[in-house]
Amino acid sequence: MMEYTIFNPDYLVDITGGDMATMEEISGIFGSQIPEFVTEMRQLLGAGKYLELGLLAHKAKGSVTVMGMEETSKMLKEFELLTKTGEQKERYEGFIARFEKDTTTVMAEINDYLSKKR
């Protein structure tokens, strides 16, 4: 059995009432948003649009929260706060890379979880 290192299904089960179709729909939407978030984050970083980058981190934080990604959510909150003040810009790329890594991992974990529930 796969050990879930990032995904915590409790919140997803809670908000869907355990309905498989709804869980699959939410997971599908989440999965389709991820590449868009990563691409846009990199574009905003490259353009030096830090305030917009922070707003996007805030939006992404909402998405990862639904998947029970508590540590990723905390990281995105820190990222959001730093971008609002323009502080520690040298860390921004690392935040984006971690977001990309965590979301790739979580999608594998979500797919594993859903396949076992079918």
PDB file of N, CA and C in Angstrom:
ATOM      1  N   MET A   1       0.838  -1.195   0.000  1.00  0.00           N
ATOM      2  CA  MET A   1       0.000   0.000   0.000  1.00  0.00           C
ATOM      3  C   MET A   1       0.874   1.247   0.000  1.00  0.00           C
ATOM      4  N   MET A   2       0.484   2.201  -0.807  1.00  0.00           N
ATOM      5  CA  MET A   2       1.241   3.443  -0.914  1.00  0.00           C
ATOM      6  C   MET A   2       1.063   4.275   0.353  1.00  0.00           C
ATOM      7  N   GLU A   3       2.162   4.817   0.843  1.00  0.00           N
ATOM      8  CA  GLU A   3       2.091   5.725   1.984  1.00  0.00           C
ATOM      9  C   GLU A   3       1.922   7.139   1.449  1.00  0.00           C
ATOM     10  N   TYR A   4       0.936   7.845   1.957  1.00  0.00           N
ATOM     11  CA  TYR A   4       0.681   9.207   1.485  1.00  0.00           C
ATOM     12  C   TYR A   4       1.522  10.191   2.284  1.00  0.00           C
ATOM     13  N   THR A   5       2.475  10.793   1.601  1.00  0.00           N
ATOM     14  CA  THR A   5       3.407  11.700   2.258  1.00  0.00           C
ATOM     15  C   THR A   5       2.904  13.138   2.260  1.00  0.00           C
ATOM     16  N   ILE A   6       2.033  13.473   1.313  1.00  0.00           N
ATOM     17  CA  ILE A   6       1.541  14.851   1.188  1.00  0.00           C
ATOM     18  C   ILE A   6       0.020  14.891   1.241  1.00  0.00           C
ATOM     19  N   PHE A   7      -0.609  13.957   0.572  1.00  0.00           N
ATOM     20  CA  PHE A   7      -2.067  13.927   0.472  1.00  0.00           C
ATOM     21  C   PHE A   7      -2.689  13.444   1.772  1.00  0.00           C
ATOM     22  N   ASN A   8      -3.655  14.211   2.258  1.00  0.00           N
ATOM     23  CA  ASN A   8      -4.460  13.801   3.403  1.00  0.00           C
ATOM     24  C   ASN A   8      -5.900  13.763   2.910  1.00  0.00           C
ATOM     25  N   PRO A   9      -6.459  12.578   2.696  1.00  0.00           N
ATOM     26  CA  PRO A   9      -7.789  12.480   2.092  1.00  0.00           C
ATOM     27  C   PRO A   9      -8.933  12.971   2.971  1.00  0.00           C
ATOM     28  N   ASP A  10      -8.677  13.180   4.259  1.00  0.00           N
ATOM     29  CA  ASP A  10      -9.765  13.518   5.183  1.00  0.00           C
ATOM     30  C   ASP A  10     -10.580  14.726   4.750  1.00  0.00           C
ATOM     31  N   TYR A  11      -9.919  15.803   4.363  1.00  0.00           N
ATOM     32  CA  TYR A  11     -10.643  17.024   3.990  1.00  0.00           C
ATOM     33  C   TYR A  11     -11.467  16.798   2.721  1.00  0.00           C
ATOM     34  N   LEU A  12     -10.881  16.143   1.741  1.00  0.00           N
ATOM     35  CA  LEU A  12     -11.578  15.858   0.487  1.00  0.00           C
ATOM     36  C   LEU A  12     -12.807  14.978   0.745  1.00  0.00           C
ATOM     37  N   VAL A  13     -12.645  13.959   1.558  1.00  0.00           N
ATOM     38  CA  VAL A  13     -13.763  13.076   1.910  1.00  0.00           C
ATOM     39  C   VAL A  13     -14.831  13.879   2.650  1.00  0.00           C
ATOM     40  N   ASP A  14     -14.386  14.735   3.543  1.00  0.00           N
ATOM     41  CA  ASP A  14     -15.300  15.543   4.342  1.00  0.00           C
ATOM     42  C   ASP A  14     -16.153  16.473   3.467  1.00  0.00           C
ATOM     43  N   ILE A  15     -15.506  17.204   2.569  1.00  0.00           N
ATOM     44  CA  ILE A  15     -16.273  18.184   1.767  1.00  0.00           C
ATOM     45  C   ILE A  15     -17.129  17.533   0.694  1.00  0.00           C
ATOM     46  N   THR A  16     -16.820  16.295   0.330  1.00  0.00           N
ATOM     47  CA  THR A  16     -17.603  15.596  -0.702  1.00  0.00           C
ATOM     48  C   THR A  16     -18.578  14.599  -0.104  1.00  0.00           C
ATOM     49  N   GLY A  17     -18.524  14.424   1.207  1.00  0.00           N
ATOM     50  CA  GLY A  17     -19.349  13.407   1.841  1.00  0.00           C
ATOM     51  C   GLY A  17     -18.951  12.004   1.408  1.00  0.00           C
ATOM     52  N   GLY A  18     -17.720  11.876   0.912  1.00  0.00           N
ATOM     53  CA  GLY A  18     -17.227  10.576   0.467  1.00  0.00           C
ATOM     54  C   GLY A  18     -17.741  10.147  -0.900  1.00  0.00           C
ATOM     55  N   ASP A  19     -18.401  11.060  -1.613  1.00  0.00           N
ATOM     56  CA  ASP A  19     -18.937  10.735  -2.939  1.00  0.00           C
ATOM     57  C   ASP A  19     -17.795  10.620  -3.955  1.00  0.00           C
ATOM     58  N   MET A  20     -17.625   9.423  -4.502  1.00  0.00           N
ATOM     59  CA  MET A  20     -16.511   9.156  -5.430  1.00  0.00           C
ATOM     60  C   MET A  20     -16.526  10.066  -6.648  1.00  0.00           C
ATOM     61  N   ALA A  21     -17.687  10.247  -7.255  1.00  0.00           N
ATOM     62  CA  ALA A  21     -17.762  11.060  -8.471  1.00  0.00           C
ATOM     63  C   ALA A  21     -17.304  12.492  -8.186  1.00  0.00           C
ATOM     64  N   THR A  22     -17.725  13.025  -7.049  1.00  0.00           N
ATOM     65  CA  THR A  22     -17.337  14.390  -6.688  1.00  0.00           C
ATOM     66  C   THR A  22     -15.847  14.465  -6.371  1.00  0.00           C
ATOM     67  N   MET A  23     -15.336  13.456  -5.657  1.00  0.00           N
ATOM     68  CA  MET A  23     -13.898  13.431  -5.360  1.00  0.00           C
ATOM     69  C   MET A  23     -13.087  13.370  -6.654  1.00  0.00           C
ATOM     70  N   GLU A  24     -13.519  12.547  -7.586  1.00  0.00           N
ATOM     71  CA  GLU A  24     -12.804  12.441  -8.864  1.00  0.00           C
ATOM     72  C   GLU A  24     -12.880  13.746  -9.647  1.00  0.00           C
ATOM     73  N   GLU A  25     -14.044  14.407  -9.611  1.00  0.00           N
ATOM     74  CA  GLU A  25     -14.192  15.679 -10.320  1.00  0.00           C
ATOM     75  C   GLU A  25     -13.273  16.750  -9.729  1.00  0.00           C
ATOM     76  N   ILE A  26     -13.285  16.873  -8.406  1.00  0.00           N
ATOM     77  CA  ILE A  26     -12.428  17.865  -7.738  1.00  0.00           C
ATOM     78  C   ILE A  26     -10.954  17.567  -8.008  1.00  0.00           C
ATOM     79  N   SER A  27     -10.589  16.295  -7.942  1.00  0.00           N
ATOM     80  CA  SER A  27      -9.197  15.907  -8.201  1.00  0.00           C
ATOM     81  C   SER A  27      -8.795  16.213  -9.641  1.00  0.00           C
ATOM     82  N   GLY A  28      -9.720  15.995 -10.566  1.00  0.00           N
ATOM     83  CA  GLY A  28      -9.446  16.299 -11.975  1.00  0.00           C
ATOM     84  C   GLY A  28      -9.244  17.788 -12.213  1.00  0.00           C
ATOM     85  N   ILE A  29     -10.081  18.584 -11.585  1.00  0.00           N
ATOM     86  CA  ILE A  29      -9.941  20.047 -11.706  1.00  0.00           C
ATOM     87  C   ILE A  29      -8.600  20.473 -11.113  1.00  0.00           C
ATOM     88  N   PHE A  30      -8.287  19.954  -9.941  1.00  0.00           N
ATOM     89  CA  PHE A  30      -7.015  20.264  -9.281  1.00  0.00           C
ATOM     90  C   PHE A  30      -5.843  19.902 -10.198  1.00  0.00           C
ATOM     91  N   GLY A  31      -5.891  18.681 -10.741  1.00  0.00           N
ATOM     92  CA  GLY A  31      -4.815  18.220 -11.626  1.00  0.00           C
ATOM     93  C   GLY A  31      -4.645  19.083 -12.861  1.00  0.00           C
ATOM     94  N   SER A  32      -5.744  19.611 -13.389  1.00  0.00           N
ATOM     95  CA  SER A  32      -5.637  20.454 -14.579  1.00  0.00           C
ATOM     96  C   SER A  32      -5.151  21.865 -14.240  1.00  0.00           C
ATOM     97  N   GLN A  33      -5.359  22.299 -12.999  1.00  0.00           N
ATOM     98  CA  GLN A  33      -4.914  23.632 -12.590  1.00  0.00           C
ATOM     99  C   GLN A  33      -3.410  23.698 -12.357  1.00  0.00           C
ATOM    100  N   ILE A  34      -2.835  22.597 -11.928  1.00  0.00           N
ATOM    101  CA  ILE A  34      -1.440  22.598 -11.503  1.00  0.00           C
ATOM    102  C   ILE A  34      -0.477  23.106 -12.580  1.00  0.00           C
ATOM    103  N   PRO A  35      -0.502  22.534 -13.803  1.00  0.00           N
ATOM    104  CA  PRO A  35       0.437  23.040 -14.810  1.00  0.00           C
ATOM    105  C   PRO A  35       0.217  24.527 -15.106  1.00  0.00           C
ATOM    106  N   GLU A  36      -1.035  24.965 -15.048  1.00  0.00           N
ATOM    107  CA  GLU A  36      -1.339  26.385 -15.272  1.00  0.00           C
ATOM    108  C   GLU A  36      -0.728  27.249 -14.172  1.00  0.00           C
ATOM    109  N   PHE A  37      -0.872  26.805 -12.922  1.00  0.00           N
ATOM    110  CA  PHE A  37      -0.282  27.542 -11.803  1.00  0.00           C
ATOM    111  C   PHE A  37       1.231  27.649 -11.959  1.00  0.00           C
ATOM    112  N   VAL A  38       1.879  26.524 -12.240  1.00  0.00           N
ATOM    113  CA  VAL A  38       3.344  26.498 -12.334  1.00  0.00           C
ATOM    114  C   VAL A  38       3.820  27.409 -13.469  1.00  0.00           C
ATOM    115  N   THR A  39       3.190  27.286 -14.628  1.00  0.00           N
ATOM    116  CA  THR A  39       3.570  28.117 -15.779  1.00  0.00           C
ATOM    117  C   THR A  39       3.402  29.595 -15.465  1.00  0.00           C
ATOM    118  N   GLU A  40       2.249  29.942 -14.894  1.00  0.00           N
ATOM    119  CA  GLU A  40       1.995  31.346 -14.594  1.00  0.00           C
ATOM    120  C   GLU A  40       2.931  31.865 -13.509  1.00  0.00           C
ATOM    121  N   MET A  41       3.227  31.037 -12.508  1.00  0.00           N
ATOM    122  CA  MET A  41       4.169  31.454 -11.460  1.00  0.00           C
ATOM    123  C   MET A  41       5.523  31.785 -12.060  1.00  0.00           C
ATOM    124  N   ARG A  42       6.001  30.918 -12.944  1.00  0.00           N
ATOM    125  CA  ARG A  42       7.313  31.143 -13.560  1.00  0.00           C
ATOM    126  C   ARG A  42       7.299  32.408 -14.441  1.00  0.00           C
ATOM    127  N   GLN A  43       6.205  32.626 -15.154  1.00  0.00           N
ATOM    128  CA  GLN A  43       6.095  33.831 -15.993  1.00  0.00           C
ATOM    129  C   GLN A  43       6.100  35.099 -15.136  1.00  0.00           C
ATOM    130  N   LEU A  44       5.327  35.079 -14.060  1.00  0.00           N
ATOM    131  CA  LEU A  44       5.262  36.250 -13.177  1.00  0.00           C
ATOM    132  C   LEU A  44       6.601  36.507 -12.502  1.00  0.00           C
ATOM    133  N   LEU A  45       7.272  35.441 -12.079  1.00  0.00           N
ATOM    134  CA  LEU A  45       8.594  35.592 -11.477  1.00  0.00           C
ATOM    135  C   LEU A  45       9.560  36.206 -12.478  1.00  0.00           C
ATOM    136  N   GLY A  46       9.558  35.674 -13.692  1.00  0.00           N
ATOM    137  CA  GLY A  46      10.446  36.177 -14.730  1.00  0.00           C
ATOM    138  C   GLY A  46      10.198  37.637 -15.075  1.00  0.00           C
ATOM    139  N   ALA A  47       8.948  38.049 -14.969  1.00  0.00           N
ATOM    140  CA  ALA A  47       8.572  39.437 -15.273  1.00  0.00           C
ATOM    141  C   ALA A  47       8.717  40.357 -14.060  1.00  0.00           C
ATOM    142  N   GLY A  48       9.091  39.786 -12.923  1.00  0.00           N
ATOM    143  CA  GLY A  48       9.235  40.589 -11.718  1.00  0.00           C
ATOM    144  C   GLY A  48       7.916  41.106 -11.162  1.00  0.00           C
ATOM    145  N   LYS A  49       6.833  40.417 -11.477  1.00  0.00           N
ATOM    146  CA  LYS A  49       5.502  40.827 -11.003  1.00  0.00           C
ATOM    147  C   LYS A  49       5.204  40.103  -9.693  1.00  0.00           C
ATOM    148  N   TYR A  50       5.824  40.590  -8.628  1.00  0.00           N
ATOM    149  CA  TYR A  50       5.787  39.887  -7.348  1.00  0.00           C
ATOM    150  C   TYR A  50       4.427  39.953  -6.673  1.00  0.00           C
ATOM    151  N   LEU A  51       3.750  41.071  -6.757  1.00  0.00           N
ATOM    152  CA  LEU A  51       2.434  41.169  -6.136  1.00  0.00           C
ATOM    153  C   LEU A  51       1.471  40.168  -6.776  1.00  0.00           C
ATOM    154  N   GLU A  52       1.477  40.103  -8.112  1.00  0.00           N
ATOM    155  CA  GLU A  52       0.632  39.139  -8.829  1.00  0.00           C
ATOM    156  C   GLU A  52       1.031  37.708  -8.491  1.00  0.00           C
ATOM    157  N   LEU A  53       2.329  37.497  -8.319  1.00  0.00           N
ATOM    158  CA  LEU A  53       2.833  36.174  -7.940  1.00  0.00           C
ATOM    159  C   LEU A  53       2.280  35.786  -6.566  1.00  0.00           C
ATOM    160  N   GLY A  54       2.246  36.726  -5.658  1.00  0.00           N
ATOM    161  CA  GLY A  54       1.683  36.474  -4.332  1.00  0.00           C
ATOM    162  C   GLY A  54       0.200  36.159  -4.384  1.00  0.00           C
ATOM    163  N   LEU A  55      -0.518  36.865  -5.240  1.00  0.00           N
ATOM    164  CA  LEU A  55      -1.950  36.598  -5.396  1.00  0.00           C
ATOM    165  C   LEU A  55      -2.180  35.191  -5.952  1.00  0.00           C
ATOM    166  N   LEU A  56      -1.328  34.789  -6.878  1.00  0.00           N
ATOM    167  CA  LEU A  56      -1.433  33.450  -7.449  1.00  0.00           C
ATOM    168  C   LEU A  56      -1.074  32.386  -6.401  1.00  0.00           C
ATOM    169  N   ALA A  57      -0.075  32.660  -5.586  1.00  0.00           N
ATOM    170  CA  ALA A  57       0.280  31.730  -4.497  1.00  0.00           C
ATOM    171  C   ALA A  57      -0.904  31.573  -3.549  1.00  0.00           C
ATOM    172  N   HIS A  58      -1.599  32.670  -3.296  1.00  0.00           N
ATOM    173  CA  HIS A  58      -2.789  32.627  -2.433  1.00  0.00           C
ATOM    174  C   HIS A  58      -3.871  31.732  -3.055  1.00  0.00           C
ATOM    175  N   LYS A  59      -4.087  31.894  -4.340  1.00  0.00           N
ATOM    176  CA  LYS A  59      -5.084  31.089  -5.052  1.00  0.00           C
ATOM    177  C   LYS A  59      -4.686  29.608  -5.031  1.00  0.00           C
ATOM    178  N   ALA A  60      -3.421  29.330  -5.267  1.00  0.00           N
ATOM    179  CA  ALA A  60      -2.921  27.950  -5.250  1.00  0.00           C
ATOM    180  C   ALA A  60      -3.059  27.353  -3.852  1.00  0.00           C
ATOM    181  N   LYS A  61      -2.873  28.177  -2.837  1.00  0.00           N
ATOM    182  CA  LYS A  61      -2.998  27.714  -1.450  1.00  0.00           C
ATOM    183  C   LYS A  61      -4.399  27.162  -1.192  1.00  0.00           C
ATOM    184  N   GLY A  62      -5.396  27.822  -1.735  1.00  0.00           N
ATOM    185  CA  GLY A  62      -6.766  27.329  -1.592  1.00  0.00           C
ATOM    186  C   GLY A  62      -6.942  25.964  -2.228  1.00  0.00           C
ATOM    187  N   SER A  63      -6.342  25.776  -3.372  1.00  0.00           N
ATOM    188  CA  SER A  63      -6.450  24.490  -4.070  1.00  0.00           C
ATOM    189  C   SER A  63      -5.759  23.367  -3.312  1.00  0.00           C
ATOM    190  N   VAL A  64      -4.557  23.618  -2.811  1.00  0.00           N
ATOM    191  CA  VAL A  64      -3.831  22.549  -2.128  1.00  0.00           C
ATOM    192  C   VAL A  64      -4.478  22.210  -0.789  1.00  0.00           C
ATOM    193  N   THR A  65      -5.152  23.183  -0.186  1.00  0.00           N
ATOM    194  CA  THR A  65      -5.834  22.934   1.084  1.00  0.00           C
ATOM    195  C   THR A  65      -6.920  21.875   0.920  1.00  0.00           C
ATOM    196  N   VAL A  66      -7.632  21.928  -0.195  1.00  0.00           N
ATOM    197  CA  VAL A  66      -8.694  20.948  -0.471  1.00  0.00           C
ATOM    198  C   VAL A  66      -8.123  19.530  -0.532  1.00  0.00           C
ATOM    199  N   MET A  67      -6.880  19.410  -0.941  1.00  0.00           N
ATOM    200  CA  MET A  67      -6.244  18.102  -1.041  1.00  0.00           C
ATOM    201  C   MET A  67      -5.521  17.706   0.254  1.00  0.00           C
ATOM    202  N   GLY A  68      -5.731  18.492   1.303  1.00  0.00           N
ATOM    203  CA  GLY A  68      -5.142  18.165   2.593  1.00  0.00           C
ATOM    204  C   GLY A  68      -3.632  18.332   2.640  1.00  0.00           C
ATOM    205  N   MET A  69      -3.103  19.188   1.771  1.00  0.00           N
ATOM    206  CA  MET A  69      -1.662  19.395   1.675  1.00  0.00           C
ATOM    207  C   MET A  69      -1.237  20.497   2.652  1.00  0.00           C
ATOM    208  N   GLU A  70      -1.231  20.169   3.945  1.00  0.00           N
ATOM    209  CA  GLU A  70      -1.014  21.172   4.980  1.00  0.00           C
ATOM    210  C   GLU A  70       0.349  21.857   4.890  1.00  0.00           C
ATOM    211  N   GLU A  71       1.402  21.078   4.703  1.00  0.00           N
ATOM    212  CA  GLU A  71       2.747  21.671   4.643  1.00  0.00           C
ATOM    213  C   GLU A  71       2.916  22.548   3.401  1.00  0.00           C
ATOM    214  N   THR A  72       2.362  22.097   2.289  1.00  0.00           N
ATOM    215  CA  THR A  72       2.439  22.881   1.055  1.00  0.00           C
ATOM    216  C   THR A  72       1.646  24.176   1.229  1.00  0.00           C
ATOM    217  N   SER A  73       0.519  24.093   1.896  1.00  0.00           N
ATOM    218  CA  SER A  73      -0.302  25.274   2.165  1.00  0.00           C
ATOM    219  C   SER A  73       0.467  26.292   3.009  1.00  0.00           C
ATOM    220  N   LYS A  74       1.141  25.809   4.043  1.00  0.00           N
ATOM    221  CA  LYS A  74       1.946  26.701   4.892  1.00  0.00           C
ATOM    222  C   LYS A  74       3.068  27.352   4.088  1.00  0.00           C
ATOM    223  N   MET A  75       3.705  26.561   3.235  1.00  0.00           N
ATOM    224  CA  MET A  75       4.787  27.079   2.404  1.00  0.00           C
ATOM    225  C   MET A  75       4.265  28.165   1.466  1.00  0.00           C
ATOM    226  N   LEU A  76       3.100  27.923   0.853  1.00  0.00           N
ATOM    227  CA  LEU A  76       2.526  28.916  -0.056  1.00  0.00           C
ATOM    228  C   LEU A  76       2.127  30.185   0.689  1.00  0.00           C
ATOM    229  N   LYS A  77       1.692  30.058   1.930  1.00  0.00           N
ATOM    230  CA  LYS A  77       1.367  31.235   2.744  1.00  0.00           C
ATOM    231  C   LYS A  77       2.622  32.078   2.963  1.00  0.00           C
ATOM    232  N   GLU A  78       3.732  31.416   3.294  1.00  0.00           N
ATOM    233  CA  GLU A  78       5.000  32.126   3.478  1.00  0.00           C
ATOM    234  C   GLU A  78       5.409  32.810   2.173  1.00  0.00           C
ATOM    235  N   PHE A  79       5.292  32.091   1.069  1.00  0.00           N
ATOM    236  CA  PHE A  79       5.616  32.629  -0.262  1.00  0.00           C
ATOM    237  C   PHE A  79       4.768  33.863  -0.542  1.00  0.00           C
ATOM    238  N   GLU A  80       3.472  33.749  -0.298  1.00  0.00           N
ATOM    239  CA  GLU A  80       2.542  34.855  -0.528  1.00  0.00           C
ATOM    240  C   GLU A  80       2.956  36.091   0.275  1.00  0.00           C
ATOM    241  N   LEU A  81       3.254  35.902   1.547  1.00  0.00           N
ATOM    242  CA  LEU A  81       3.624  37.034   2.403  1.00  0.00           C
ATOM    243  C   LEU A  81       4.930  37.689   1.957  1.00  0.00           C
ATOM    244  N   LEU A  82       5.901  36.871   1.568  1.00  0.00           N
ATOM    245  CA  LEU A  82       7.182  37.424   1.107  1.00  0.00           C
ATOM    246  C   LEU A  82       7.023  38.212  -0.186  1.00  0.00           C
ATOM    247  N   THR A  83       6.187  37.721  -1.102  1.00  0.00           N
ATOM    248  CA  THR A  83       6.025  38.429  -2.374  1.00  0.00           C
ATOM    249  C   THR A  83       5.314  39.763  -2.187  1.00  0.00           C
ATOM    250  N   LYS A  84       4.427  39.844  -1.212  1.00  0.00           N
ATOM    251  CA  LYS A  84       3.710  41.099  -0.966  1.00  0.00           C
ATOM    252  C   LYS A  84       4.656  42.209  -0.533  1.00  0.00           C
ATOM    253  N   THR A  85       5.740  41.837   0.138  1.00  0.00           N
ATOM    254  CA  THR A  85       6.719  42.824   0.589  1.00  0.00           C
ATOM    255  C   THR A  85       7.948  42.870  -0.317  1.00  0.00           C
ATOM    256  N   GLY A  86       8.028  41.913  -1.251  1.00  0.00           N
ATOM    257  CA  GLY A  86       9.181  41.861  -2.154  1.00  0.00           C
ATOM    258  C   GLY A  86      10.447  41.391  -1.466  1.00  0.00           C
ATOM    259  N   GLU A  87      10.295  40.722  -0.329  1.00  0.00           N
ATOM    260  CA  GLU A  87      11.455  40.262   0.438  1.00  0.00           C
ATOM    261  C   GLU A  87      11.937  38.890  -0.028  1.00  0.00           C
ATOM    262  N   GLN A  88      13.227  38.642   0.192  1.00  0.00           N
ATOM    263  CA  GLN A  88      13.861  37.343  -0.038  1.00  0.00           C
ATOM    264  C   GLN A  88      13.558  36.776  -1.437  1.00  0.00           C
ATOM    265  N   LYS A  89      13.692  37.630  -2.442  1.00  0.00           N
ATOM    266  CA  LYS A  89      13.390  37.237  -3.827  1.00  0.00           C
ATOM    267  C   LYS A  89      14.182  36.012  -4.280  1.00  0.00           C
ATOM    268  N   GLU A  90      15.354  35.820  -3.686  1.00  0.00           N
ATOM    269  CA  GLU A  90      16.190  34.678  -4.077  1.00  0.00           C
ATOM    270  C   GLU A  90      15.535  33.347  -3.717  1.00  0.00           C
ATOM    271  N   ARG A  91      14.528  33.359  -2.865  1.00  0.00           N
ATOM    272  CA  ARG A  91      13.848  32.119  -2.465  1.00  0.00           C
ATOM    273  C   ARG A  91      12.653  31.782  -3.355  1.00  0.00           C
ATOM    274  N   TYR A  92      12.200  32.703  -4.176  1.00  0.00           N
ATOM    275  CA  TYR A  92      10.954  32.519  -4.927  1.00  0.00           C
ATOM    276  C   TYR A  92      10.990  31.312  -5.853  1.00  0.00           C
ATOM    277  N   GLU A  93      12.096  31.146  -6.563  1.00  0.00           N
ATOM    278  CA  GLU A  93      12.210  29.998  -7.474  1.00  0.00           C
ATOM    279  C   GLU A  93      12.099  28.688  -6.705  1.00  0.00           C
ATOM    280  N   GLY A  94      12.678  28.641  -5.523  1.00  0.00           N
ATOM    281  CA  GLY A  94      12.602  27.451  -4.685  1.00  0.00           C
ATOM    282  C   GLY A  94      11.175  27.134  -4.246  1.00  0.00           C
ATOM    283  N   PHE A  95      10.425  28.182  -3.947  1.00  0.00           N
ATOM    284  CA  PHE A  95       9.022  27.982  -3.587  1.00  0.00           C
ATOM    285  C   PHE A  95       8.253  27.366  -4.758  1.00  0.00           C
ATOM    286  N   ILE A  96       8.496  27.891  -5.943  1.00  0.00           N
ATOM    287  CA  ILE A  96       7.802  27.383  -7.133  1.00  0.00           C
ATOM    288  C   ILE A  96       8.209  25.929  -7.396  1.00  0.00           C
ATOM    289  N   ALA A  97       9.493  25.644  -7.285  1.00  0.00           N
ATOM    290  CA  ALA A  97       9.984  24.275  -7.506  1.00  0.00           C
ATOM    291  C   ALA A  97       9.369  23.308  -6.494  1.00  0.00           C
ATOM    292  N   ARG A  98       9.260  23.729  -5.238  1.00  0.00           N
ATOM    293  CA  ARG A  98       8.655  22.855  -4.227  1.00  0.00           C
ATOM    294  C   ARG A  98       7.173  22.649  -4.519  1.00  0.00           C
ATOM    295  N   PHE A  99       6.484  23.713  -4.921  1.00  0.00           N
ATOM    296  CA  PHE A  99       5.073  23.592  -5.271  1.00  0.00           C
ATOM    297  C   PHE A  99       4.899  22.576  -6.396  1.00  0.00           C
ATOM    298  N   GLU A 100       5.749  22.673  -7.412  1.00  0.00           N
ATOM    299  CA  GLU A 100       5.678  21.753  -8.547  1.00  0.00           C
ATOM    300  C   GLU A 100       5.949  20.310  -8.101  1.00  0.00           C
ATOM    301  N   LYS A 101       6.969  20.124  -7.269  1.00  0.00           N
ATOM    302  CA  LYS A 101       7.318  18.781  -6.777  1.00  0.00           C
ATOM    303  C   LYS A 101       6.187  18.213  -5.917  1.00  0.00           C
ATOM    304  N   ASP A 102       5.687  19.018  -4.980  1.00  0.00           N
ATOM    305  CA  ASP A 102       4.626  18.550  -4.082  1.00  0.00           C
ATOM    306  C   ASP A 102       3.360  18.180  -4.851  1.00  0.00           C
ATOM    307  N   THR A 103       3.009  18.984  -5.829  1.00  0.00           N
ATOM    308  CA  THR A 103       1.772  18.714  -6.567  1.00  0.00           C
ATOM    309  C   THR A 103       1.921  17.504  -7.476  1.00  0.00           C
ATOM    310  N   THR A 104       3.111  17.265  -7.999  1.00  0.00           N
ATOM    311  CA  THR A 104       3.348  16.053  -8.786  1.00  0.00           C
ATOM    312  C   THR A 104       3.197  14.825  -7.895  1.00  0.00           C
ATOM    313  N   THR A 105       3.791  14.891  -6.704  1.00  0.00           N
ATOM    314  CA  THR A 105       3.692  13.794  -5.742  1.00  0.00           C
ATOM    315  C   THR A 105       2.247  13.573  -5.330  1.00  0.00           C
ATOM    316  N   VAL A 106       1.541  14.653  -5.023  1.00  0.00           N
ATOM    317  CA  VAL A 106       0.177  14.511  -4.521  1.00  0.00           C
ATOM    318  C   VAL A 106      -0.754  13.933  -5.582  1.00  0.00           C
ATOM    319  N   MET A 107      -0.534  14.244  -6.832  1.00  0.00           N
ATOM    320  CA  MET A 107      -1.396  13.681  -7.881  1.00  0.00           C
ATOM    321  C   MET A 107      -1.242  12.163  -7.938  1.00  0.00           C
ATOM    322  N   ALA A 108      -0.025  11.662  -7.780  1.00  0.00           N
ATOM    323  CA  ALA A 108       0.187  10.209  -7.748  1.00  0.00           C
ATOM    324  C   ALA A 108      -0.522   9.606  -6.536  1.00  0.00           C
ATOM    325  N   GLU A 109      -0.441  10.292  -5.406  1.00  0.00           N
ATOM    326  CA  GLU A 109      -1.087   9.798  -4.192  1.00  0.00           C
ATOM    327  C   GLU A 109      -2.612   9.836  -4.321  1.00  0.00           C
ATOM    328  N   ILE A 110      -3.149  10.911  -4.883  1.00  0.00           N
ATOM    329  CA  ILE A 110      -4.602  11.029  -5.080  1.00  0.00           C
ATOM    330  C   ILE A 110      -5.094   9.930  -6.018  1.00  0.00           C
ATOM    331  N   ASN A 111      -4.385   9.741  -7.121  1.00  0.00           N
ATOM    332  CA  ASN A 111      -4.797   8.713  -8.083  1.00  0.00           C
ATOM    333  C   ASN A 111      -4.761   7.329  -7.451  1.00  0.00           C
ATOM    334  N   ASP A 112      -3.763   7.078  -6.613  1.00  0.00           N
ATOM    335  CA  ASP A 112      -3.681   5.806  -5.902  1.00  0.00           C
ATOM    336  C   ASP A 112      -4.881   5.653  -4.956  1.00  0.00           C
ATOM    337  N   TYR A 113      -5.156   6.680  -4.198  1.00  0.00           N
ATOM    338  CA  TYR A 113      -6.275   6.655  -3.245  1.00  0.00           C
ATOM    339  C   TYR A 113      -7.597   6.399  -3.961  1.00  0.00           C
ATOM    340  N   LEU A 114      -7.842   7.152  -5.029  1.00  0.00           N
ATOM    341  CA  LEU A 114      -9.113   7.004  -5.755  1.00  0.00           C
ATOM    342  C   LEU A 114      -9.228   5.628  -6.412  1.00  0.00           C
ATOM    343  N   SER A 115      -8.119   5.104  -6.925  1.00  0.00           N
ATOM    344  CA  SER A 115      -8.180   3.788  -7.576  1.00  0.00           C
ATOM    345  C   SER A 115      -8.530   2.699  -6.564  1.00  0.00           C
ATOM    346  N   LYS A 116      -8.131   2.868  -5.323  1.00  0.00           N
ATOM    347  CA  LYS A 116      -8.452   1.881  -4.275  1.00  0.00           C
ATOM    348  C   LYS A 116      -9.879   2.008  -3.783  1.00  0.00           C
ATOM    349  N   LYS A 117     -10.481   3.171  -4.001  1.00  0.00           N
ATOM    350  CA  LYS A 117     -11.849   3.404  -3.540  1.00  0.00           C
ATOM    351  C   LYS A 117     -12.888   2.993  -4.572  1.00  0.00           C
ATOM    352  N   ARG A 118     -12.470   2.805  -5.823  1.00  0.00           N
ATOM    353  CA  ARG A 118     -13.412   2.471  -6.897  1.00  0.00           C
ATOM    354  C   ARG A 118     -13.998   1.101  -6.696  1.00  0.00           C
TER     355      ARG A 118
END
